Amino acid sequence: MKSVFDWFEKRFKKWYQPDPAMLQRLEILAKSNKQEISCDEVFVVLDQFAEAVHRGENVLLLMPLIRQHLDVCPACREEYETLLRMLQPPLDE
C-alpha cells in the first residue's frame, strides 16, 4: 500500500494531501483476506466469541476469521465491545 502512496506523492507532490478517510479505507482493504466472512456470519457467533474472550481463551486460535472481521468492521466491533461490557461484573456502589 505504501508504494501506491509513494507513486502519487512523486507525481503529484505539489497537490498531494492524503485524505484521512481514504487512508483508512485503503488500510482496511490492505488487511482484507481471501477468506473473509460476512457481518451476518459474525453476528451468529459473536456472543460465543465475546464469552471466550471474557474467559481468557485464545480466540486467535479458536476463531481467527471473527477476530480479523472485527479488526476491519466498525459495526461488528461496536457490537462486540457492547457484549464485552455486558459480561463485566457490575461495580459496587
PDB file of N, CA and C in Angstrom:
ATOM      1  N   MET A   1       0.830  -1.188   0.000  1.00  0.00           N
ATOM      2  CA  MET A   1       0.000   0.000   0.000  1.00  0.00           C
ATOM      3  C   MET A   1       0.874   1.252   0.000  1.00  0.00           C
ATOM      4  N   LYS A   2       1.995   1.176   0.679  1.00  0.00           N
ATOM      5  CA  LYS A   2       2.891   2.319   0.747  1.00  0.00           C
ATOM      6  C   LYS A   2       3.357   2.715  -0.644  1.00  0.00           C
ATOM      7  N   SER A   3       3.582   1.736  -1.517  1.00  0.00           N
ATOM      8  CA  SER A   3       4.056   2.052  -2.861  1.00  0.00           C
ATOM      9  C   SER A   3       3.038   2.872  -3.646  1.00  0.00           C
ATOM     10  N   VAL A   4       1.758   2.634  -3.420  1.00  0.00           N
ATOM     11  CA  VAL A   4       0.717   3.423  -4.091  1.00  0.00           C
ATOM     12  C   VAL A   4       0.811   4.889  -3.661  1.00  0.00           C
ATOM     13  N   PHE A   5       0.975   5.103  -2.355  1.00  0.00           N
ATOM     14  CA  PHE A   5       1.097   6.479  -1.863  1.00  0.00           C
ATOM     15  C   PHE A   5       2.386   7.124  -2.356  1.00  0.00           C
ATOM     16  N   ASP A   6       3.464   6.351  -2.405  1.00  0.00           N
ATOM     17  CA  ASP A   6       4.727   6.883  -2.919  1.00  0.00           C
ATOM     18  C   ASP A   6       4.584   7.324  -4.373  1.00  0.00           C
ATOM     19  N   TRP A   7       3.908   6.507  -5.178  1.00  0.00           N
ATOM     20  CA  TRP A   7       3.705   6.829  -6.586  1.00  0.00           C
ATOM     21  C   TRP A   7       2.948   8.150  -6.732  1.00  0.00           C
ATOM     22  N   PHE A   8       1.843   8.301  -5.978  1.00  0.00           N
ATOM     23  CA  PHE A   8       1.072   9.540  -6.046  1.00  0.00           C
ATOM     24  C   PHE A   8       1.896  10.728  -5.576  1.00  0.00           C
ATOM     25  N   GLU A   9       2.638  10.525  -4.515  1.00  0.00           N
ATOM     26  CA  GLU A   9       3.416  11.628  -3.961  1.00  0.00           C
ATOM     27  C   GLU A   9       4.476  12.099  -4.952  1.00  0.00           C
ATOM     28  N   LYS A  10       5.123  11.174  -5.651  1.00  0.00           N
ATOM     29  CA  LYS A  10       6.153  11.548  -6.631  1.00  0.00           C
ATOM     30  C   LYS A  10       5.559  12.334  -7.793  1.00  0.00           C
ATOM     31  N   ARG A  11       4.422  11.903  -8.275  1.00  0.00           N
ATOM     32  CA  ARG A  11       3.835  12.528  -9.468  1.00  0.00           C
ATOM     33  C   ARG A  11       3.003  13.775  -9.171  1.00  0.00           C
ATOM     34  N   PHE A  12       2.438  13.837  -7.988  1.00  0.00           N
ATOM     35  CA  PHE A  12       1.549  14.944  -7.651  1.00  0.00           C
ATOM     36  C   PHE A  12       1.974  15.622  -6.358  1.00  0.00           C
ATOM     37  N   LYS A  13       3.262  15.701  -6.135  1.00  0.00           N
ATOM     38  CA  LYS A  13       3.782  16.202  -4.865  1.00  0.00           C
ATOM     39  C   LYS A  13       3.204  17.567  -4.493  1.00  0.00           C
ATOM     40  N   LYS A  14       3.064  18.416  -5.479  1.00  0.00           N
ATOM     41  CA  LYS A  14       2.571  19.765  -5.219  1.00  0.00           C
ATOM     42  C   LYS A  14       1.144  19.754  -4.674  1.00  0.00           C
ATOM     43  N   TRP A  15       0.308  18.833  -5.163  1.00  0.00           N
ATOM     44  CA  TRP A  15      -1.102  18.817  -4.786  1.00  0.00           C
ATOM     45  C   TRP A  15      -1.458  17.699  -3.814  1.00  0.00           C
ATOM     46  N   TYR A  16      -0.550  16.788  -3.590  1.00  0.00           N
ATOM     47  CA  TYR A  16      -0.872  15.572  -2.830  1.00  0.00           C
ATOM     48  C   TYR A  16      -1.086  15.872  -1.349  1.00  0.00           C
ATOM     49  N   GLN A  17      -2.287  15.658  -0.893  1.00  0.00           N
ATOM     50  CA  GLN A  17      -2.656  15.736   0.516  1.00  0.00           C
ATOM     51  C   GLN A  17      -3.531  14.529   0.801  1.00  0.00           C
ATOM     52  N   PRO A  18      -3.002  13.502   1.474  1.00  0.00           N
ATOM     53  CA  PRO A  18      -3.814  12.289   1.697  1.00  0.00           C
ATOM     54  C   PRO A  18      -5.056  12.586   2.526  1.00  0.00           C
ATOM     55  N   ASP A  19      -6.153  12.068   2.068  1.00  0.00           N
ATOM     56  CA  ASP A  19      -7.426  12.197   2.761  1.00  0.00           C
ATOM     57  C   ASP A  19      -7.482  11.134   3.865  1.00  0.00           C
ATOM     58  N   PRO A  20      -7.680  11.543   5.129  1.00  0.00           N
ATOM     59  CA  PRO A  20      -7.683  10.562   6.228  1.00  0.00           C
ATOM     60  C   PRO A  20      -8.711   9.447   6.042  1.00  0.00           C
ATOM     61  N   ALA A  21      -9.885   9.778   5.533  1.00  0.00           N
ATOM     62  CA  ALA A  21     -10.915   8.750   5.324  1.00  0.00           C
ATOM     63  C   ALA A  21     -10.468   7.760   4.248  1.00  0.00           C
ATOM     64  N   MET A  22      -9.839   8.270   3.207  1.00  0.00           N
ATOM     65  CA  MET A  22      -9.357   7.393   2.141  1.00  0.00           C
ATOM     66  C   MET A  22      -8.222   6.510   2.656  1.00  0.00           C
ATOM     67  N   LEU A  23      -7.340   7.078   3.471  1.00  0.00           N
ATOM     68  CA  LEU A  23      -6.257   6.280   4.055  1.00  0.00           C
ATOM     69  C   LEU A  23      -6.821   5.133   4.891  1.00  0.00           C
ATOM     70  N   GLN A  24      -7.862   5.422   5.654  1.00  0.00           N
ATOM     71  CA  GLN A  24      -8.484   4.388   6.481  1.00  0.00           C
ATOM     72  C   GLN A  24      -9.078   3.287   5.613  1.00  0.00           C
ATOM     73  N   ARG A  25      -9.766   3.671   4.542  1.00  0.00           N
ATOM     74  CA  ARG A  25     -10.357   2.671   3.645  1.00  0.00           C
ATOM     75  C   ARG A  25      -9.283   1.812   2.989  1.00  0.00           C
ATOM     76  N   LEU A  26      -8.188   2.449   2.583  1.00  0.00           N
ATOM     77  CA  LEU A  26      -7.105   1.703   1.949  1.00  0.00           C
ATOM     78  C   LEU A  26      -6.427   0.757   2.930  1.00  0.00           C
ATOM     79  N   GLU A  27      -6.304   1.155   4.182  1.00  0.00           N
ATOM     80  CA  GLU A  27      -5.727   0.268   5.190  1.00  0.00           C
ATOM     81  C   GLU A  27      -6.628  -0.939   5.416  1.00  0.00           C
ATOM     82  N   ILE A  28      -7.940  -0.726   5.445  1.00  0.00           N
ATOM     83  CA  ILE A  28      -8.881  -1.835   5.596  1.00  0.00           C
ATOM     84  C   ILE A  28      -8.765  -2.771   4.402  1.00  0.00           C
ATOM     85  N   LEU A  29      -8.664  -2.195   3.215  1.00  0.00           N
ATOM     86  CA  LEU A  29      -8.522  -3.005   2.009  1.00  0.00           C
ATOM     87  C   LEU A  29      -7.232  -3.814   2.051  1.00  0.00           C
ATOM     88  N   ALA A  30      -6.169  -3.207   2.526  1.00  0.00           N
ATOM     89  CA  ALA A  30      -4.891  -3.913   2.613  1.00  0.00           C
ATOM     90  C   ALA A  30      -4.963  -5.075   3.599  1.00  0.00           C
ATOM     91  N   LYS A  31      -5.783  -4.954   4.635  1.00  0.00           N
ATOM     92  CA  LYS A  31      -5.929  -6.023   5.627  1.00  0.00           C
ATOM     93  C   LYS A  31      -6.863  -7.123   5.157  1.00  0.00           C
ATOM     94  N   SER A  32      -7.590  -6.881   4.076  1.00  0.00           N
ATOM     95  CA  SER A  32      -8.574  -7.866   3.636  1.00  0.00           C
ATOM     96  C   SER A  32      -7.882  -9.157   3.213  1.00  0.00           C
ATOM     97  N   ASN A  33      -8.641 -10.217   3.242  1.00  0.00           N
ATOM     98  CA  ASN A  33      -8.105 -11.539   3.004  1.00  0.00           C
ATOM     99  C   ASN A  33      -9.069 -12.290   2.099  1.00  0.00           C
ATOM    100  N   LYS A  34      -8.564 -13.287   1.391  1.00  0.00           N
ATOM    101  CA  LYS A  34      -9.441 -14.087   0.541  1.00  0.00           C
ATOM    102  C   LYS A  34     -10.478 -14.832   1.377  1.00  0.00           C
ATOM    103  N   GLN A  35     -10.086 -15.232   2.573  1.00  0.00           N
ATOM    104  CA  GLN A  35     -11.004 -15.930   3.466  1.00  0.00           C
ATOM    105  C   GLN A  35     -11.635 -14.908   4.394  1.00  0.00           C
ATOM    106  N   GLU A  36     -12.742 -14.362   4.002  1.00  0.00           N
ATOM    107  CA  GLU A  36     -13.442 -13.411   4.849  1.00  0.00           C
ATOM    108  C   GLU A  36     -14.854 -13.904   5.091  1.00  0.00           C
ATOM    109  N   ILE A  37     -15.430 -13.405   6.163  1.00  0.00           N
ATOM    110  CA  ILE A  37     -16.799 -13.765   6.478  1.00  0.00           C
ATOM    111  C   ILE A  37     -17.636 -12.493   6.553  1.00  0.00           C
ATOM    112  N   SER A  38     -18.919 -12.662   6.391  1.00  0.00           N
ATOM    113  CA  SER A  38     -19.829 -11.516   6.363  1.00  0.00           C
ATOM    114  C   SER A  38     -20.241 -11.117   7.783  1.00  0.00           C
ATOM    115  N   CYS A  39     -20.829  -9.948   7.889  1.00  0.00           N
ATOM    116  CA  CYS A  39     -21.347  -9.473   9.172  1.00  0.00           C
ATOM    117  C   CYS A  39     -22.400 -10.437   9.714  1.00  0.00           C
ATOM    118  N   ASP A  40     -23.243 -10.945   8.844  1.00  0.00           N
ATOM    119  CA  ASP A  40     -24.277 -11.887   9.282  1.00  0.00           C
ATOM    120  C   ASP A  40     -23.653 -13.131   9.906  1.00  0.00           C
ATOM    121  N   GLU A  41     -22.579 -13.624   9.302  1.00  0.00           N
ATOM    122  CA  GLU A  41     -21.906 -14.802   9.846  1.00  0.00           C
ATOM    123  C   GLU A  41     -21.252 -14.485  11.193  1.00  0.00           C
ATOM    124  N   VAL A  42     -20.740 -13.282  11.336  1.00  0.00           N
ATOM    125  CA  VAL A  42     -20.119 -12.869  12.594  1.00  0.00           C
ATOM    126  C   VAL A  42     -21.168 -12.765  13.683  1.00  0.00           C
ATOM    127  N   PHE A  43     -22.308 -12.153  13.382  1.00  0.00           N
ATOM    128  CA  PHE A  43     -23.350 -11.965  14.389  1.00  0.00           C
ATOM    129  C   PHE A  43     -23.868 -13.294  14.937  1.00  0.00           C
ATOM    130  N   VAL A  44     -23.818 -14.358  14.142  1.00  0.00           N
ATOM    131  CA  VAL A  44     -24.291 -15.660  14.602  1.00  0.00           C
ATOM    132  C   VAL A  44     -23.445 -16.169  15.771  1.00  0.00           C
ATOM    133  N   VAL A  45     -22.142 -15.895  15.753  1.00  0.00           N
ATOM    134  CA  VAL A  45     -21.249 -16.438  16.788  1.00  0.00           C
ATOM    135  C   VAL A  45     -20.599 -15.361  17.659  1.00  0.00           C
ATOM    136  N   LEU A  46     -21.005 -14.126  17.503  1.00  0.00           N
ATOM    137  CA  LEU A  46     -20.341 -13.037  18.227  1.00  0.00           C
ATOM    138  C   LEU A  46     -20.482 -13.184  19.740  1.00  0.00           C
ATOM    139  N   ASP A  47     -21.624 -13.647  20.209  1.00  0.00           N
ATOM    140  CA  ASP A  47     -21.787 -13.831  21.656  1.00  0.00           C
ATOM    141  C   ASP A  47     -20.842 -14.912  22.183  1.00  0.00           C
ATOM    142  N   GLN A  48     -20.673 -15.986  21.434  1.00  0.00           N
ATOM    143  CA  GLN A  48     -19.739 -17.040  21.828  1.00  0.00           C
ATOM    144  C   GLN A  48     -18.295 -16.515  21.829  1.00  0.00           C
ATOM    145  N   PHE A  49     -17.990 -15.705  20.837  1.00  0.00           N
ATOM    146  CA  PHE A  49     -16.654 -15.124  20.742  1.00  0.00           C
ATOM    147  C   PHE A  49     -16.387 -14.224  21.950  1.00  0.00           C
ATOM    148  N   ALA A  50     -17.332 -13.354  22.276  1.00  0.00           N
ATOM    149  CA  ALA A  50     -17.166 -12.443  23.413  1.00  0.00           C
ATOM    150  C   ALA A  50     -17.028 -13.222  24.722  1.00  0.00           C
ATOM    151  N   GLU A  51     -17.809 -14.282  24.892  1.00  0.00           N
ATOM    152  CA  GLU A  51     -17.709 -15.099  26.097  1.00  0.00           C
ATOM    153  C   GLU A  51     -16.353 -15.783  26.184  1.00  0.00           C
ATOM    154  N   ALA A  52     -15.825 -16.237  25.049  1.00  0.00           N
ATOM    155  CA  ALA A  52     -14.499 -16.872  25.030  1.00  0.00           C
ATOM    156  C   ALA A  52     -13.420 -15.866  25.413  1.00  0.00           C
ATOM    157  N   VAL A  53     -13.536 -14.654  24.922  1.00  0.00           N
ATOM    158  CA  VAL A  53     -12.584 -13.601  25.290  1.00  0.00           C
ATOM    159  C   VAL A  53     -12.686 -13.319  26.780  1.00  0.00           C
ATOM    160  N   HIS A  54     -13.900 -13.226  27.268  1.00  0.00           N
ATOM    161  CA  HIS A  54     -14.137 -12.955  28.686  1.00  0.00           C
ATOM    162  C   HIS A  54     -13.525 -14.049  29.578  1.00  0.00           C
ATOM    163  N   ARG A  55     -13.578 -15.295  29.116  1.00  0.00           N
ATOM    164  CA  ARG A  55     -12.995 -16.413  29.868  1.00  0.00           C
ATOM    165  C   ARG A  55     -11.472 -16.473  29.732  1.00  0.00           C
ATOM    166  N   GLY A  56     -10.921 -15.663  28.822  1.00  0.00           N
ATOM    167  CA  GLY A  56      -9.475 -15.642  28.633  1.00  0.00           C
ATOM    168  C   GLY A  56      -8.957 -16.671  27.643  1.00  0.00           C
ATOM    169  N   GLU A  57      -9.825 -17.211  26.838  1.00  0.00           N
ATOM    170  CA  GLU A  57      -9.416 -18.205  25.843  1.00  0.00           C
ATOM    171  C   GLU A  57      -8.697 -17.531  24.685  1.00  0.00           C
ATOM    172  N   ASN A  58      -7.885 -18.291  23.995  1.00  0.00           N
ATOM    173  CA  ASN A  58      -7.130 -17.766  22.857  1.00  0.00           C
ATOM    174  C   ASN A  58      -8.020 -17.768  21.613  1.00  0.00           C
ATOM    175  N   VAL A  59      -8.706 -16.662  21.383  1.00  0.00           N
ATOM    176  CA  VAL A  59      -9.650 -16.585  20.271  1.00  0.00           C
ATOM    177  C   VAL A  59      -8.947 -16.527  18.919  1.00  0.00           C
ATOM    178  N   LEU A  60      -7.675 -16.146  18.899  1.00  0.00           N
ATOM    179  CA  LEU A  60      -6.943 -16.143  17.636  1.00  0.00           C
ATOM    180  C   LEU A  60      -6.800 -17.558  17.096  1.00  0.00           C
ATOM    181  N   LEU A  61      -6.695 -18.526  17.979  1.00  0.00           N
ATOM    182  CA  LEU A  61      -6.644 -19.932  17.546  1.00  0.00           C
ATOM    183  C   LEU A  61      -8.036 -20.479  17.272  1.00  0.00           C
ATOM    184  N   LEU A  62      -8.993 -20.088  18.115  1.00  0.00           N
ATOM    185  CA  LEU A  62     -10.344 -20.647  18.014  1.00  0.00           C
ATOM    186  C   LEU A  62     -11.146 -20.061  16.855  1.00  0.00           C
ATOM    187  N   MET A  63     -11.093 -18.752  16.698  1.00  0.00           N
ATOM    188  CA  MET A  63     -11.925 -18.067  15.707  1.00  0.00           C
ATOM    189  C   MET A  63     -11.144 -16.948  15.022  1.00  0.00           C
ATOM    190  N   PRO A  64     -10.126 -17.276  14.244  1.00  0.00           N
ATOM    191  CA  PRO A  64      -9.304 -16.224  13.633  1.00  0.00           C
ATOM    192  C   PRO A  64     -10.061 -15.337  12.647  1.00  0.00           C
ATOM    193  N   LEU A  65     -11.030 -15.894  11.934  1.00  0.00           N
ATOM    194  CA  LEU A  65     -11.772 -15.087  10.955  1.00  0.00           C
ATOM    195  C   LEU A  65     -12.680 -14.068  11.642  1.00  0.00           C
ATOM    196  N   ILE A  66     -13.195 -14.421  12.801  1.00  0.00           N
ATOM    197  CA  ILE A  66     -14.024 -13.465  13.550  1.00  0.00           C
ATOM    198  C   ILE A  66     -13.152 -12.300  14.001  1.00  0.00           C
ATOM    199  N   ARG A  67     -11.990 -12.611  14.563  1.00  0.00           N
ATOM    200  CA  ARG A  67     -11.062 -11.558  15.019  1.00  0.00           C
ATOM    201  C   ARG A  67     -10.662 -10.655  13.852  1.00  0.00           C
ATOM    202  N   GLN A  68     -10.374 -11.257  12.717  1.00  0.00           N
ATOM    203  CA  GLN A  68      -9.996 -10.483  11.535  1.00  0.00           C
ATOM    204  C   GLN A  68     -11.135  -9.566  11.103  1.00  0.00           C
ATOM    205  N   HIS A  69     -12.355 -10.081  11.114  1.00  0.00           N
ATOM    206  CA  HIS A  69     -13.510  -9.278  10.717  1.00  0.00           C
ATOM    207  C   HIS A  69     -13.697  -8.100  11.675  1.00  0.00           C
ATOM    208  N   LEU A  70     -13.543  -8.349  12.964  1.00  0.00           N
ATOM    209  CA  LEU A  70     -13.706  -7.278  13.956  1.00  0.00           C
ATOM    210  C   LEU A  70     -12.649  -6.189  13.790  1.00  0.00           C
ATOM    211  N   ASP A  71     -11.479  -6.559  13.288  1.00  0.00           N
ATOM    212  CA  ASP A  71     -10.414  -5.574  13.058  1.00  0.00           C
ATOM    213  C   ASP A  71     -10.760  -4.583  11.956  1.00  0.00           C
ATOM    214  N   VAL A  72     -11.622  -4.987  11.028  1.00  0.00           N
ATOM    215  CA  VAL A  72     -11.914  -4.114   9.885  1.00  0.00           C
ATOM    216  C   VAL A  72     -13.358  -3.626   9.806  1.00  0.00           C
ATOM    217  N   CYS A  73     -14.236  -4.130  10.673  1.00  0.00           N
ATOM    218  CA  CYS A  73     -15.651  -3.758  10.592  1.00  0.00           C
ATOM    219  C   CYS A  73     -16.084  -2.998  11.850  1.00  0.00           C
ATOM    220  N   PRO A  74     -16.265  -1.683  11.746  1.00  0.00           N
ATOM    221  CA  PRO A  74     -16.644  -0.890  12.917  1.00  0.00           C
ATOM    222  C   PRO A  74     -17.987  -1.299  13.528  1.00  0.00           C
ATOM    223  N   ALA A  75     -18.960  -1.663  12.731  1.00  0.00           N
ATOM    224  CA  ALA A  75     -20.286  -2.020  13.256  1.00  0.00           C
ATOM    225  C   ALA A  75     -20.218  -3.293  14.094  1.00  0.00           C
ATOM    226  N   CYS A  76     -19.542  -4.301  13.587  1.00  0.00           N
ATOM    227  CA  CYS A  76     -19.415  -5.554  14.341  1.00  0.00           C
ATOM    228  C   CYS A  76     -18.539  -5.355  15.574  1.00  0.00           C
ATOM    229  N   ARG A  77     -17.491  -4.547  15.434  1.00  0.00           N
ATOM    230  CA  ARG A  77     -16.622  -4.285  16.581  1.00  0.00           C
ATOM    231  C   ARG A  77     -17.392  -3.581  17.695  1.00  0.00           C
ATOM    232  N   GLU A  78     -18.268  -2.655  17.334  1.00  0.00           N
ATOM    233  CA  GLU A  78     -19.079  -1.959  18.333  1.00  0.00           C
ATOM    234  C   GLU A  78     -20.002  -2.935  19.059  1.00  0.00           C
ATOM    235  N   GLU A  79     -20.614  -3.829  18.318  1.00  0.00           N
ATOM    236  CA  GLU A  79     -21.484  -4.841  18.917  1.00  0.00           C
ATOM    237  C   GLU A  79     -20.675  -5.742  19.855  1.00  0.00           C
ATOM    238  N   TYR A  80     -19.500  -6.143  19.426  1.00  0.00           N
ATOM    239  CA  TYR A  80     -18.621  -6.988  20.233  1.00  0.00           C
ATOM    240  C   TYR A  80     -18.229  -6.278  21.532  1.00  0.00           C
ATOM    241  N   GLU A  81     -17.844  -5.010  21.437  1.00  0.00           N
ATOM    242  CA  GLU A  81     -17.447  -4.255  22.629  1.00  0.00           C
ATOM    243  C   GLU A  81     -18.624  -4.098  23.596  1.00  0.00           C
ATOM    244  N   THR A  82     -19.815  -3.942  23.063  1.00  0.00           N
ATOM    245  CA  THR A  82     -21.014  -3.877  23.903  1.00  0.00           C
ATOM    246  C   THR A  82     -21.222  -5.192  24.642  1.00  0.00           C
ATOM    247  N   LEU A  83     -21.078  -6.298  23.935  1.00  0.00           N
ATOM    248  CA  LEU A  83     -21.217  -7.608  24.571  1.00  0.00           C
ATOM    249  C   LEU A  83     -20.176  -7.792  25.674  1.00  0.00           C
ATOM    250  N   LEU A  84     -18.946  -7.374  25.423  1.00  0.00           N
ATOM    251  CA  LEU A  84     -17.906  -7.491  26.457  1.00  0.00           C
ATOM    252  C   LEU A  84     -18.252  -6.670  27.694  1.00  0.00           C
ATOM    253  N   ARG A  85     -18.777  -5.462  27.481  1.00  0.00           N
ATOM    254  CA  ARG A  85     -19.170  -4.628  28.627  1.00  0.00           C
ATOM    255  C   ARG A  85     -20.285  -5.294  29.424  1.00  0.00           C
ATOM    256  N   MET A  86     -21.206  -5.951  28.731  1.00  0.00           N
ATOM    257  CA  MET A  86     -22.306  -6.617  29.421  1.00  0.00           C
ATOM    258  C   MET A  86     -21.821  -7.805  30.248  1.00  0.00           C
ATOM    259  N   LEU A  87     -20.717  -8.398  29.861  1.00  0.00           N
ATOM    260  CA  LEU A  87     -20.164  -9.542  30.586  1.00  0.00           C
ATOM    261  C   LEU A  87     -19.363  -9.140  31.830  1.00  0.00           C
ATOM    262  N   GLN A  88     -19.029  -7.872  31.921  1.00  0.00           N
ATOM    263  CA  GLN A  88     -18.268  -7.404  33.084  1.00  0.00           C
ATOM    264  C   GLN A  88     -19.175  -7.374  34.311  1.00  0.00           C
ATOM    265  N   PRO A  89     -18.632  -7.750  35.464  1.00  0.00           N
ATOM    266  CA  PRO A  89     -19.461  -7.690  36.693  1.00  0.00           C
ATOM    267  C   PRO A  89     -19.769  -6.235  37.045  1.00  0.00           C
ATOM    268  N   PRO A  90     -20.940  -5.996  37.630  1.00  0.00           N
ATOM    269  CA  PRO A  90     -21.304  -4.615  37.991  1.00  0.00           C
ATOM    270  C   PRO A  90     -20.383  -4.093  39.077  1.00  0.00           C
ATOM    271  N   LEU A  91     -20.097  -2.814  39.015  1.00  0.00           N
ATOM    272  CA  LEU A  91     -19.279  -2.165  40.030  1.00  0.00           C
ATOM    273  C   LEU A  91     -20.121  -1.927  41.280  1.00  0.00           C
ATOM    274  N   ASP A  92     -19.521  -2.148  42.446  1.00  0.00           N
ATOM    275  CA  ASP A  92     -20.238  -1.883  43.694  1.00  0.00           C
ATOM    276  C   ASP A  92     -20.340  -0.388  43.886  1.00  0.00           C
ATOM    277  N   GLU A  93     -21.465   0.026  44.350  1.00  0.00           N
ATOM    278  CA  GLU A  93     -21.712   1.453  44.526  1.00  0.00           C
ATOM    279  C   GLU A  93     -21.243   1.944  45.857  1.00  0.00           C
TER     280      GLU A  93
END
